[in-house]
Amino acid sequence: MNEDEKIQDVAVAAIRRKSMDPGEWRFTRIGEIHPEIRERLPLEAGELPVASAFLSPDSWYVFTTRRIVSHLDGETRSLDPSGGLEARFGMFKAIGEISQQVATLSTPSGATFRLEYETGKASMAPIYAASYWTWR
């Protein structure tokens, strides 16, 4: 098993252990790239998906075994989490009518960006995908 396969195996298993009803999630996928994102974000050779969500053409993200990519506010940004990651997910429980929220991710080197994610049960995918890099 190579490094990408190890990362995907551990990260996806952690997400699945903490997730409830993933078949009911509207926008979010575990262990795959959402079909609406596939042509927008080609993966490098050997790079594997961990979690992704397509909320709209203007808002989507992908966690892979090598990077985190977010498209928000007309800008696509990529972050290398391998040196560590801090993530702030805010109100992820979907209290009331809030079905989406914006998280802030940053690295020890100072790189920072935001991604919009699906709240409620589906929030476990980006939270635990980010946690993989926090726990390393």
C-alpha atoms as a PDB file:
ATOM      1  CA  MET A   1       0.000   0.000   0.000  1.00  0.00           C
ATOM      2  CA  ASN A   2       1.503   3.361  -1.022  1.00  0.00           C
ATOM      3  CA  GLU A   3       1.256   6.624   0.972  1.00  0.00           C
ATOM      4  CA  ASP A   4      -1.829   7.929  -0.857  1.00  0.00           C
ATOM      5  CA  GLU A   5      -3.656   4.642  -0.264  1.00  0.00           C
ATOM      6  CA  LYS A   6      -2.707   4.700   3.445  1.00  0.00           C
ATOM      7  CA  ILE A   7      -3.953   8.276   3.874  1.00  0.00           C
ATOM      8  CA  GLN A   8      -7.210   7.543   2.058  1.00  0.00           C
ATOM      9  CA  ASP A   9      -7.764   4.342   4.042  1.00  0.00           C
ATOM     10  CA  VAL A  10      -7.257   5.977   7.462  1.00  0.00           C
ATOM     11  CA  ALA A  11      -9.071   9.254   6.690  1.00  0.00           C
ATOM     12  CA  VAL A  12     -12.087   7.655   4.990  1.00  0.00           C
ATOM     13  CA  ALA A  13     -12.411   5.074   7.793  1.00  0.00           C
ATOM     14  CA  ALA A  14     -12.433   7.870  10.397  1.00  0.00           C
ATOM     15  CA  ILE A  15     -15.110   9.779   8.489  1.00  0.00           C
ATOM     16  CA  ARG A  16     -17.281   6.683   8.068  1.00  0.00           C
ATOM     17  CA  ARG A  17     -16.995   5.794  11.791  1.00  0.00           C
ATOM     18  CA  LYS A  18     -18.269   9.240  12.791  1.00  0.00           C
ATOM     19  CA  SER A  19     -20.898   9.629  10.074  1.00  0.00           C
ATOM     20  CA  MET A  20     -24.608   8.948  10.192  1.00  0.00           C
ATOM     21  CA  ASP A  21     -26.844   8.375   7.163  1.00  0.00           C
ATOM     22  CA  PRO A  22     -24.366   9.336   4.395  1.00  0.00           C
ATOM     23  CA  GLY A  23     -26.821   8.056   1.783  1.00  0.00           C
ATOM     24  CA  GLU A  24     -29.144  10.902   2.771  1.00  0.00           C
ATOM     25  CA  TRP A  25     -26.564  13.666   2.412  1.00  0.00           C
ATOM     26  CA  ARG A  26     -27.532  16.132  -0.258  1.00  0.00           C
ATOM     27  CA  PHE A  27     -24.155  17.532  -1.418  1.00  0.00           C
ATOM     28  CA  THR A  28     -21.365  15.618   0.321  1.00  0.00           C
ATOM     29  CA  ARG A  29     -19.509  12.426  -0.665  1.00  0.00           C
ATOM     30  CA  ILE A  30     -17.046  10.234   1.251  1.00  0.00           C
ATOM     31  CA  GLY A  31     -14.077   8.639  -0.525  1.00  0.00           C
ATOM     32  CA  GLU A  32     -14.984  10.026  -3.924  1.00  0.00           C
ATOM     33  CA  ILE A  33     -15.117  13.219  -5.913  1.00  0.00           C
ATOM     34  CA  HIS A  34     -18.652  14.498  -6.351  1.00  0.00           C
ATOM     35  CA  PRO A  35     -19.674  13.945 -10.014  1.00  0.00           C
ATOM     36  CA  GLU A  36     -20.165  17.696 -10.563  1.00  0.00           C
ATOM     37  CA  ILE A  37     -16.516  18.352  -9.586  1.00  0.00           C
ATOM     38  CA  ARG A  38     -14.720  15.633 -11.558  1.00  0.00           C
ATOM     39  CA  GLU A  39     -14.141  17.701 -14.699  1.00  0.00           C
ATOM     40  CA  ARG A  40     -13.379  20.865 -12.709  1.00  0.00           C
ATOM     41  CA  LEU A  41     -10.545  19.300 -10.705  1.00  0.00           C
ATOM     42  CA  PRO A  42      -8.282  16.704 -12.296  1.00  0.00           C
ATOM     43  CA  LEU A  43      -6.280  14.704  -9.757  1.00  0.00           C
ATOM     44  CA  GLU A  44      -2.548  14.111 -10.047  1.00  0.00           C
ATOM     45  CA  ALA A  45      -1.273  10.584 -10.717  1.00  0.00           C
ATOM     46  CA  GLY A  46      -1.808   8.527  -7.563  1.00  0.00           C
ATOM     47  CA  GLU A  47      -3.748  11.246  -5.720  1.00  0.00           C
ATOM     48  CA  LEU A  48      -6.952   9.896  -4.163  1.00  0.00           C
ATOM     49  CA  PRO A  49     -10.167  11.566  -2.930  1.00  0.00           C
ATOM     50  CA  VAL A  50     -11.095  11.598   0.765  1.00  0.00           C
ATOM     51  CA  ALA A  51     -14.227  13.782   0.842  1.00  0.00           C
ATOM     52  CA  SER A  52     -15.942  16.305  -1.405  1.00  0.00           C
ATOM     53  CA  ALA A  53     -19.050  18.402  -1.729  1.00  0.00           C
ATOM     54  CA  PHE A  54     -20.692  20.323  -4.552  1.00  0.00           C
ATOM     55  CA  LEU A  55     -23.071  22.906  -3.117  1.00  0.00           C
ATOM     56  CA  SER A  56     -23.286  24.925  -6.358  1.00  0.00           C
ATOM     57  CA  PRO A  57     -21.072  25.870  -9.325  1.00  0.00           C
ATOM     58  CA  ASP A  58     -19.828  28.708  -7.115  1.00  0.00           C
ATOM     59  CA  SER A  59     -19.201  26.612  -4.003  1.00  0.00           C
ATOM     60  CA  TRP A  60     -17.468  23.232  -3.802  1.00  0.00           C
ATOM     61  CA  TYR A  61     -14.525  21.559  -2.111  1.00  0.00           C
ATOM     62  CA  VAL A  62     -12.377  18.433  -2.284  1.00  0.00           C
ATOM     63  CA  PHE A  63     -10.121  16.863   0.336  1.00  0.00           C
ATOM     64  CA  THR A  64      -7.590  14.543  -1.290  1.00  0.00           C
ATOM     65  CA  THR A  65      -4.615  12.600  -0.040  1.00  0.00           C
ATOM     66  CA  ARG A  66      -2.348  15.536  -0.987  1.00  0.00           C
ATOM     67  CA  ARG A  67      -4.334  18.760  -0.825  1.00  0.00           C
ATOM     68  CA  ILE A  68      -7.534  20.537   0.036  1.00  0.00           C
ATOM     69  CA  VAL A  69      -9.172  22.515  -2.759  1.00  0.00           C
ATOM     70  CA  SER A  70     -11.974  25.006  -2.257  1.00  0.00           C
ATOM     71  CA  HIS A  71     -13.925  26.993  -4.806  1.00  0.00           C
ATOM     72  CA  LEU A  72     -15.718  29.902  -3.117  1.00  0.00           C
ATOM     73  CA  ASP A  73     -16.467  33.527  -3.999  1.00  0.00           C
ATOM     74  CA  GLY A  74     -15.281  33.033  -7.588  1.00  0.00           C
ATOM     75  CA  GLU A  75     -11.850  31.783  -6.575  1.00  0.00           C
ATOM     76  CA  THR A  76     -10.360  28.283  -6.527  1.00  0.00           C
ATOM     77  CA  ARG A  77      -7.659  27.834  -3.911  1.00  0.00           C
ATOM     78  CA  SER A  78      -5.549  24.877  -2.872  1.00  0.00           C
ATOM     79  CA  LEU A  79      -3.862  24.163   0.442  1.00  0.00           C
ATOM     80  CA  ASP A  80      -1.193  21.577   1.296  1.00  0.00           C
ATOM     81  CA  PRO A  81      -2.160  20.231   4.733  1.00  0.00           C
ATOM     82  CA  SER A  82       0.819  17.862   5.136  1.00  0.00           C
ATOM     83  CA  GLY A  83       2.617  20.200   7.581  1.00  0.00           C
ATOM     84  CA  GLY A  84      -0.411  20.383   9.873  1.00  0.00           C
ATOM     85  CA  LEU A  85      -3.771  22.059   9.819  1.00  0.00           C
ATOM     86  CA  GLU A  86      -6.040  24.104  12.032  1.00  0.00           C
ATOM     87  CA  ALA A  87      -9.726  24.119  11.151  1.00  0.00           C
ATOM     88  CA  ARG A  88     -12.627  26.176  12.469  1.00  0.00           C
ATOM     89  CA  PHE A  89     -16.025  24.847  11.447  1.00  0.00           C
ATOM     90  CA  GLY A  90     -18.345  27.095  13.459  1.00  0.00           C
ATOM     91  CA  MET A  91     -21.994  26.071  13.829  1.00  0.00           C
ATOM     92  CA  PHE A  92     -21.928  22.722  12.016  1.00  0.00           C
ATOM     93  CA  LYS A  93     -24.972  21.091  13.635  1.00  0.00           C
ATOM     94  CA  ALA A  94     -27.580  22.693  11.335  1.00  0.00           C
ATOM     95  CA  ILE A  95     -29.600  24.302  14.091  1.00  0.00           C
ATOM     96  CA  GLY A  96     -32.670  25.936  12.598  1.00  0.00           C
ATOM     97  CA  GLU A  97     -32.626  26.570   8.872  1.00  0.00           C
ATOM     98  CA  ILE A  98     -28.850  26.834   8.406  1.00  0.00           C
ATOM     99  CA  SER A  99     -27.904  24.142   5.892  1.00  0.00           C
ATOM    100  CA  GLN A 100     -24.481  25.517   4.918  1.00  0.00           C
ATOM    101  CA  GLN A 101     -21.654  27.136   6.823  1.00  0.00           C
ATOM    102  CA  VAL A 102     -18.158  28.414   6.050  1.00  0.00           C
ATOM    103  CA  ALA A 103     -15.066  26.883   7.651  1.00  0.00           C
ATOM    104  CA  THR A 104     -11.640  28.502   7.905  1.00  0.00           C
ATOM    105  CA  LEU A 105      -8.580  26.309   7.410  1.00  0.00           C
ATOM    106  CA  SER A 106      -5.005  27.383   8.070  1.00  0.00           C
ATOM    107  CA  THR A 107      -1.518  25.868   8.173  1.00  0.00           C
ATOM    108  CA  PRO A 108       1.357  26.639  10.560  1.00  0.00           C
ATOM    109  CA  SER A 109       3.082  28.472   7.679  1.00  0.00           C
ATOM    110  CA  GLY A 110       0.209  30.988   7.594  1.00  0.00           C
ATOM    111  CA  ALA A 111      -1.663  29.783   4.508  1.00  0.00           C
ATOM    112  CA  THR A 112      -5.396  30.273   5.091  1.00  0.00           C
ATOM    113  CA  PHE A 113      -8.565  29.795   3.135  1.00  0.00           C
ATOM    114  CA  ARG A 114     -12.267  29.159   3.503  1.00  0.00           C
ATOM    115  CA  LEU A 115     -14.615  26.484   2.288  1.00  0.00           C
ATOM    116  CA  GLU A 116     -18.380  26.234   2.412  1.00  0.00           C
ATOM    117  CA  TYR A 117     -19.766  22.929   3.653  1.00  0.00           C
ATOM    118  CA  GLU A 118     -23.062  21.162   4.261  1.00  0.00           C
ATOM    119  CA  THR A 119     -24.064  21.301   7.939  1.00  0.00           C
ATOM    120  CA  GLY A 120     -25.753  18.616  10.012  1.00  0.00           C
ATOM    121  CA  LYS A 121     -24.788  14.974   9.614  1.00  0.00           C
ATOM    122  CA  ALA A 122     -22.798  15.685   6.432  1.00  0.00           C
ATOM    123  CA  SER A 123     -20.492  18.073   8.304  1.00  0.00           C
ATOM    124  CA  MET A 124     -18.633  15.043   9.656  1.00  0.00           C
ATOM    125  CA  ALA A 125     -16.987  14.524   6.246  1.00  0.00           C
ATOM    126  CA  PRO A 126     -15.006  17.787   6.108  1.00  0.00           C
ATOM    127  CA  ILE A 127     -14.500  17.901   9.891  1.00  0.00           C
ATOM    128  CA  TYR A 128     -12.891  14.455  10.038  1.00  0.00           C
ATOM    129  CA  ALA A 129     -11.073  14.906   6.722  1.00  0.00           C
ATOM    130  CA  ALA A 130      -9.469  18.036   8.211  1.00  0.00           C
ATOM    131  CA  SER A 131      -8.848  16.211  11.493  1.00  0.00           C
ATOM    132  CA  TYR A 132      -6.663  13.664   9.721  1.00  0.00           C
ATOM    133  CA  TRP A 133      -4.134  16.435   9.102  1.00  0.00           C
ATOM    134  CA  THR A 134      -4.595  17.927  12.579  1.00  0.00           C
ATOM    135  CA  TRP A 135      -3.774  14.604  14.281  1.00  0.00           C
ATOM    136  CA  ARG A 136      -0.710  13.777  12.188  1.00  0.00           C
END
